[in-house]
């Protein structure tokens, strides 16, 4: 019984969001067989895929995550970055601010 409670608590924490988005309430949305918890903060949105689905790389999930973030935020998505489980989208509501954010991310050395 304790094992099951532990597993349940671990699974519940999986969609908690990354630190930047953690305190933001999530909106759950399904897009073409993928289910995401989407959080929006400022010029960024995060989509955490919560369903079990084989997706070893971002390619098959990128468009679905972008569509989920666009539906929740009401903004066009300029770019989607991340992996098949957690993606971050740059919102284009304020297109100039979003493009500056993208340029900063691209030009910043690692």
N, C-alpha and C. Protein backbone atom coordinates (compact mmCIF):
# COMPACT_ATOMS: atom_id res chain seq x y z
N UNK A 1 0.82 -1.20 0.00
CA UNK A 1 0.00 0.00 0.00
C UNK A 1 0.86 1.26 0.00
N UNK A 2 1.91 1.26 0.81
CA UNK A 2 2.78 2.43 0.88
C UNK A 2 3.47 2.66 -0.46
N UNK A 3 3.83 1.56 -1.13
CA UNK A 3 4.46 1.70 -2.46
C UNK A 3 3.53 2.42 -3.43
N UNK A 4 2.27 2.05 -3.40
CA UNK A 4 1.31 2.67 -4.32
C UNK A 4 1.11 4.15 -4.02
N UNK A 5 1.08 4.51 -2.75
CA UNK A 5 0.97 5.91 -2.39
C UNK A 5 2.20 6.69 -2.84
N UNK A 6 3.37 6.08 -2.70
CA UNK A 6 4.60 6.72 -3.15
C UNK A 6 4.56 6.94 -4.66
N UNK A 7 4.20 5.89 -5.40
CA UNK A 7 4.12 6.01 -6.86
C UNK A 7 3.11 7.05 -7.28
N UNK A 8 1.98 7.10 -6.61
CA UNK A 8 0.97 8.10 -6.94
C UNK A 8 1.49 9.51 -6.70
N UNK A 9 2.21 9.70 -5.59
CA UNK A 9 2.75 11.04 -5.31
C UNK A 9 3.83 11.43 -6.31
N UNK A 10 4.63 10.47 -6.77
CA UNK A 10 5.65 10.76 -7.78
C UNK A 10 4.99 11.12 -9.10
N UNK A 11 3.99 10.36 -9.49
CA UNK A 11 3.30 10.65 -10.74
C UNK A 11 2.58 11.99 -10.69
N UNK A 12 2.02 12.33 -9.56
CA UNK A 12 1.34 13.62 -9.43
C UNK A 12 2.31 14.77 -9.56
N UNK A 13 3.55 14.58 -9.13
CA UNK A 13 4.56 15.64 -9.21
C UNK A 13 5.12 15.80 -10.61
N UNK A 14 4.90 14.83 -11.47
CA UNK A 14 5.49 14.87 -12.81
C UNK A 14 5.01 16.06 -13.63
N UNK A 15 3.82 16.53 -13.42
CA UNK A 15 3.31 17.65 -14.20
C UNK A 15 3.38 18.96 -13.42
N UNK A 16 4.20 19.00 -12.37
CA UNK A 16 4.28 20.19 -11.53
C UNK A 16 4.87 21.39 -12.26
N UNK A 17 5.55 21.17 -13.35
CA UNK A 17 6.15 22.27 -14.09
C UNK A 17 7.57 22.53 -13.65
N UNK A 18 8.29 23.21 -14.50
CA UNK A 18 9.66 23.57 -14.17
C UNK A 18 9.64 24.73 -13.18
N UNK A 19 10.77 25.03 -12.53
CA UNK A 19 10.76 26.06 -11.49
C UNK A 19 10.17 27.41 -11.93
N UNK A 20 10.42 27.85 -13.14
CA UNK A 20 9.93 29.14 -13.61
C UNK A 20 8.39 29.17 -13.66
N UNK A 21 7.77 28.03 -13.93
CA UNK A 21 6.32 27.95 -14.09
C UNK A 21 5.61 27.27 -12.91
N UNK A 22 6.33 26.83 -11.91
CA UNK A 22 5.79 25.96 -10.87
C UNK A 22 4.57 26.54 -10.15
N UNK A 23 4.54 27.80 -9.83
CA UNK A 23 3.42 28.37 -9.06
C UNK A 23 2.24 28.80 -9.92
N UNK A 24 2.31 28.58 -11.21
CA UNK A 24 1.24 28.96 -12.14
C UNK A 24 0.27 27.79 -12.27
N UNK A 25 -1.03 28.03 -12.14
CA UNK A 25 -1.98 26.93 -12.32
C UNK A 25 -1.96 26.44 -13.78
N UNK A 26 -2.11 25.14 -13.95
CA UNK A 26 -2.06 24.54 -15.28
C UNK A 26 -3.45 24.41 -15.87
N UNK A 27 -3.50 24.50 -17.20
CA UNK A 27 -4.71 24.21 -17.95
C UNK A 27 -4.45 22.92 -18.71
N UNK A 28 -5.25 21.90 -18.50
CA UNK A 28 -5.07 20.61 -19.17
C UNK A 28 -5.79 20.65 -20.51
N UNK A 29 -5.07 20.23 -21.56
CA UNK A 29 -5.63 20.27 -22.91
C UNK A 29 -5.12 19.08 -23.71
N UNK A 30 -5.98 18.51 -24.54
CA UNK A 30 -5.61 17.38 -25.40
C UNK A 30 -5.54 17.86 -26.85
N UNK A 31 -4.48 17.46 -27.53
CA UNK A 31 -4.31 17.80 -28.94
C UNK A 31 -3.84 16.55 -29.69
N UNK A 32 -4.67 16.05 -30.58
CA UNK A 32 -4.32 14.91 -31.44
C UNK A 32 -3.70 13.74 -30.69
N UNK A 33 -4.28 13.35 -29.59
CA UNK A 33 -3.80 12.19 -28.85
C UNK A 33 -2.76 12.48 -27.78
N UNK A 34 -2.27 13.69 -27.71
CA UNK A 34 -1.33 14.09 -26.65
C UNK A 34 -2.06 14.96 -25.65
N UNK A 35 -1.79 14.75 -24.36
CA UNK A 35 -2.42 15.54 -23.30
C UNK A 35 -1.33 16.35 -22.60
N UNK A 36 -1.57 17.66 -22.47
CA UNK A 36 -0.58 18.57 -21.90
C UNK A 36 -1.17 19.34 -20.74
N UNK A 37 -0.32 19.66 -19.77
CA UNK A 37 -0.61 20.67 -18.77
C UNK A 37 0.13 21.91 -19.22
N UNK A 38 -0.60 22.97 -19.52
CA UNK A 38 -0.01 24.19 -20.09
C UNK A 38 -0.06 25.30 -19.04
N UNK A 39 1.07 25.99 -18.89
CA UNK A 39 1.18 27.15 -17.99
C UNK A 39 1.73 28.31 -18.80
N UNK A 40 1.23 29.51 -18.54
CA UNK A 40 1.66 30.70 -19.26
C UNK A 40 2.19 31.71 -18.24
N UNK A 41 3.37 32.25 -18.54
CA UNK A 41 3.95 33.29 -17.68
C UNK A 41 4.72 34.26 -18.57
N UNK A 42 4.26 35.50 -18.59
CA UNK A 42 4.93 36.52 -19.41
C UNK A 42 4.88 36.18 -20.88
N UNK A 43 6.04 36.19 -21.53
CA UNK A 43 6.14 35.90 -22.96
C UNK A 43 6.43 34.44 -23.25
N UNK A 44 6.29 33.57 -22.24
CA UNK A 44 6.60 32.15 -22.41
C UNK A 44 5.42 31.29 -21.97
N UNK A 45 5.33 30.13 -22.59
CA UNK A 45 4.35 29.12 -22.17
C UNK A 45 5.09 27.79 -22.07
N UNK A 46 4.63 26.96 -21.15
CA UNK A 46 5.22 25.64 -20.96
C UNK A 46 4.14 24.59 -21.14
N UNK A 47 4.46 23.55 -21.91
CA UNK A 47 3.54 22.42 -22.09
C UNK A 47 4.25 21.16 -21.59
N UNK A 48 3.69 20.55 -20.55
CA UNK A 48 4.23 19.31 -20.00
C UNK A 48 3.32 18.19 -20.47
N UNK A 49 3.87 17.27 -21.26
CA UNK A 49 3.05 16.15 -21.76
C UNK A 49 2.86 15.17 -20.62
N UNK A 50 1.60 14.84 -20.32
CA UNK A 50 1.33 14.02 -19.15
C UNK A 50 0.83 12.62 -19.49
N UNK A 51 0.53 12.34 -20.73
CA UNK A 51 0.06 11.00 -21.06
C UNK A 51 1.24 10.11 -21.47
N UNK A 52 1.04 8.80 -21.29
CA UNK A 52 2.07 7.87 -21.74
C UNK A 52 1.91 7.69 -23.24
N UNK A 53 2.97 7.98 -23.92
CA UNK A 53 2.94 7.96 -25.38
C UNK A 53 4.38 7.85 -25.85
N UNK A 54 4.64 6.96 -26.79
CA UNK A 54 5.99 6.80 -27.28
C UNK A 54 6.36 8.01 -28.13
N UNK A 55 7.34 8.74 -27.70
CA UNK A 55 7.81 9.92 -28.42
C UNK A 55 9.28 10.15 -28.06
N UNK A 56 10.20 9.47 -28.72
CA UNK A 56 11.61 9.56 -28.33
C UNK A 56 12.27 10.90 -28.65
N UNK A 57 11.65 11.71 -29.47
CA UNK A 57 12.24 12.99 -29.83
C UNK A 57 11.14 14.04 -29.97
N UNK A 58 11.55 15.29 -30.09
CA UNK A 58 10.60 16.39 -30.11
C UNK A 58 9.75 16.43 -31.38
N UNK A 59 10.28 16.02 -32.50
CA UNK A 59 9.61 16.14 -33.79
C UNK A 59 8.12 15.86 -33.80
N UNK A 60 7.69 14.66 -33.40
CA UNK A 60 6.26 14.35 -33.47
C UNK A 60 5.40 15.14 -32.48
N UNK A 61 5.99 15.67 -31.43
CA UNK A 61 5.24 16.34 -30.37
C UNK A 61 5.25 17.86 -30.51
N UNK A 62 6.24 18.41 -31.20
CA UNK A 62 6.45 19.87 -31.27
C UNK A 62 5.20 20.63 -31.73
N UNK A 63 4.60 20.20 -32.81
CA UNK A 63 3.43 20.91 -33.34
C UNK A 63 2.24 20.81 -32.39
N UNK A 64 2.06 19.64 -31.78
CA UNK A 64 0.94 19.47 -30.84
C UNK A 64 1.13 20.36 -29.61
N UNK A 65 2.36 20.41 -29.08
CA UNK A 65 2.63 21.25 -27.91
C UNK A 65 2.43 22.73 -28.26
N UNK A 66 2.88 23.13 -29.45
CA UNK A 66 2.70 24.52 -29.89
C UNK A 66 1.24 24.88 -30.01
N UNK A 67 0.45 23.97 -30.56
CA UNK A 67 -0.99 24.22 -30.69
C UNK A 67 -1.65 24.30 -29.32
N UNK A 68 -1.25 23.44 -28.40
CA UNK A 68 -1.81 23.49 -27.04
C UNK A 68 -1.48 24.82 -26.37
N UNK A 69 -0.23 25.27 -26.50
CA UNK A 69 0.17 26.54 -25.89
C UNK A 69 -0.56 27.72 -26.54
N UNK A 70 -0.76 27.66 -27.85
CA UNK A 70 -1.48 28.73 -28.54
C UNK A 70 -2.94 28.78 -28.10
N UNK A 71 -3.56 27.63 -27.94
CA UNK A 71 -4.96 27.59 -27.52
C UNK A 71 -5.14 28.14 -26.11
N UNK A 72 -4.23 27.79 -25.21
CA UNK A 72 -4.36 28.24 -23.83
C UNK A 72 -4.03 29.72 -23.70
N UNK A 73 -2.97 30.18 -24.38
CA UNK A 73 -2.51 31.57 -24.23
C UNK A 73 -3.30 32.54 -25.10
N UNK A 74 -3.85 32.05 -26.21
CA UNK A 74 -4.51 32.93 -27.15
C UNK A 74 -3.54 33.69 -28.03
N UNK A 75 -2.28 33.30 -28.01
CA UNK A 75 -1.23 33.97 -28.78
C UNK A 75 -0.64 33.02 -29.81
N UNK A 76 -0.14 33.56 -30.92
CA UNK A 76 0.62 32.70 -31.82
C UNK A 76 1.94 32.30 -31.14
N UNK A 77 2.48 31.16 -31.53
CA UNK A 77 3.73 30.67 -30.97
C UNK A 77 4.84 30.93 -31.98
N UNK A 78 5.89 31.64 -31.55
CA UNK A 78 7.00 31.96 -32.44
C UNK A 78 7.98 30.80 -32.58
N UNK A 79 8.18 30.04 -31.49
CA UNK A 79 9.10 28.90 -31.54
C UNK A 79 8.80 27.99 -30.36
N UNK A 80 9.11 26.71 -30.53
CA UNK A 80 8.94 25.71 -29.47
C UNK A 80 10.28 25.03 -29.26
N UNK A 81 10.72 25.00 -28.01
CA UNK A 81 11.99 24.38 -27.65
C UNK A 81 11.75 23.36 -26.55
N UNK A 82 12.62 22.39 -26.43
CA UNK A 82 12.50 21.42 -25.35
C UNK A 82 12.70 20.01 -25.83
N UNK A 83 11.99 19.09 -25.20
CA UNK A 83 12.05 17.68 -25.59
C UNK A 83 10.63 17.13 -25.67
N UNK A 84 10.50 15.83 -25.81
CA UNK A 84 9.17 15.24 -26.02
C UNK A 84 8.30 15.28 -24.77
N UNK A 85 8.88 15.57 -23.61
CA UNK A 85 8.10 15.60 -22.37
C UNK A 85 7.75 17.02 -21.93
N UNK A 86 8.72 17.94 -22.01
CA UNK A 86 8.51 19.33 -21.55
C UNK A 86 8.97 20.27 -22.65
N UNK A 87 8.06 21.13 -23.08
CA UNK A 87 8.40 22.12 -24.11
C UNK A 87 8.08 23.52 -23.60
N UNK A 88 8.82 24.48 -24.14
CA UNK A 88 8.59 25.89 -23.83
C UNK A 88 8.37 26.60 -25.15
N UNK A 89 7.32 27.40 -25.20
CA UNK A 89 7.02 28.15 -26.41
C UNK A 89 7.19 29.64 -26.16
N UNK A 90 7.72 30.33 -27.16
CA UNK A 90 7.84 31.78 -27.11
C UNK A 90 6.57 32.35 -27.71
N UNK A 91 5.83 33.13 -26.91
CA UNK A 91 4.55 33.67 -27.35
C UNK A 91 4.75 34.88 -28.25
N UNK A 92 3.86 35.01 -29.22
CA UNK A 92 3.95 36.11 -30.17
C UNK A 92 2.86 37.15 -30.01
N UNK A 93 2.23 37.26 -28.82
CA UNK A 93 1.23 38.31 -28.61
C UNK A 93 1.88 39.68 -28.82
N UNK A 94 3.01 39.87 -28.20
CA UNK A 94 3.83 41.05 -28.43
C UNK A 94 5.00 40.55 -29.27
N UNK A 95 4.82 40.56 -30.58
CA UNK A 95 5.78 39.94 -31.49
C UNK A 95 7.19 40.49 -31.32
N UNK A 96 7.33 41.79 -31.13
CA UNK A 96 8.65 42.39 -30.97
C UNK A 96 9.34 41.85 -29.72
N UNK A 97 8.61 41.74 -28.61
CA UNK A 97 9.20 41.22 -27.37
C UNK A 97 9.57 39.76 -27.54
N UNK A 98 8.73 38.98 -28.20
CA UNK A 98 9.03 37.57 -28.43
C UNK A 98 10.26 37.38 -29.29
N UNK A 99 10.39 38.19 -30.34
CA UNK A 99 11.56 38.07 -31.21
C UNK A 99 12.83 38.49 -30.47
N UNK A 100 12.74 39.52 -29.61
CA UNK A 100 13.91 39.90 -28.80
C UNK A 100 14.30 38.76 -27.87
N UNK A 101 13.32 38.10 -27.29
CA UNK A 101 13.57 36.97 -26.40
C UNK A 101 14.27 35.85 -27.16
N UNK A 102 13.80 35.56 -28.38
CA UNK A 102 14.44 34.53 -29.19
C UNK A 102 15.87 34.91 -29.57
N UNK A 103 16.08 36.15 -29.97
CA UNK A 103 17.43 36.61 -30.33
C UNK A 103 18.38 36.53 -29.13
N UNK A 104 17.89 36.88 -27.96
CA UNK A 104 18.71 36.79 -26.76
C UNK A 104 19.09 35.35 -26.47
N UNK A 105 18.14 34.44 -26.62
CA UNK A 105 18.41 33.02 -26.36
C UNK A 105 19.40 32.45 -27.37
N UNK A 106 19.31 32.89 -28.60
CA UNK A 106 20.19 32.38 -29.64
C UNK A 106 21.59 32.95 -29.53
N UNK A 107 21.69 34.23 -29.17
CA UNK A 107 23.00 34.89 -29.16
C UNK A 107 23.76 34.73 -27.84
N UNK A 108 23.12 34.20 -26.80
CA UNK A 108 23.78 34.02 -25.53
C UNK A 108 24.69 32.80 -25.59
N UNK A 109 26.00 32.98 -25.29
CA UNK A 109 26.90 31.83 -25.32
C UNK A 109 26.60 30.87 -24.16
N UNK A 110 26.83 29.60 -24.41
CA UNK A 110 26.56 28.58 -23.37
C UNK A 110 27.63 28.55 -22.34
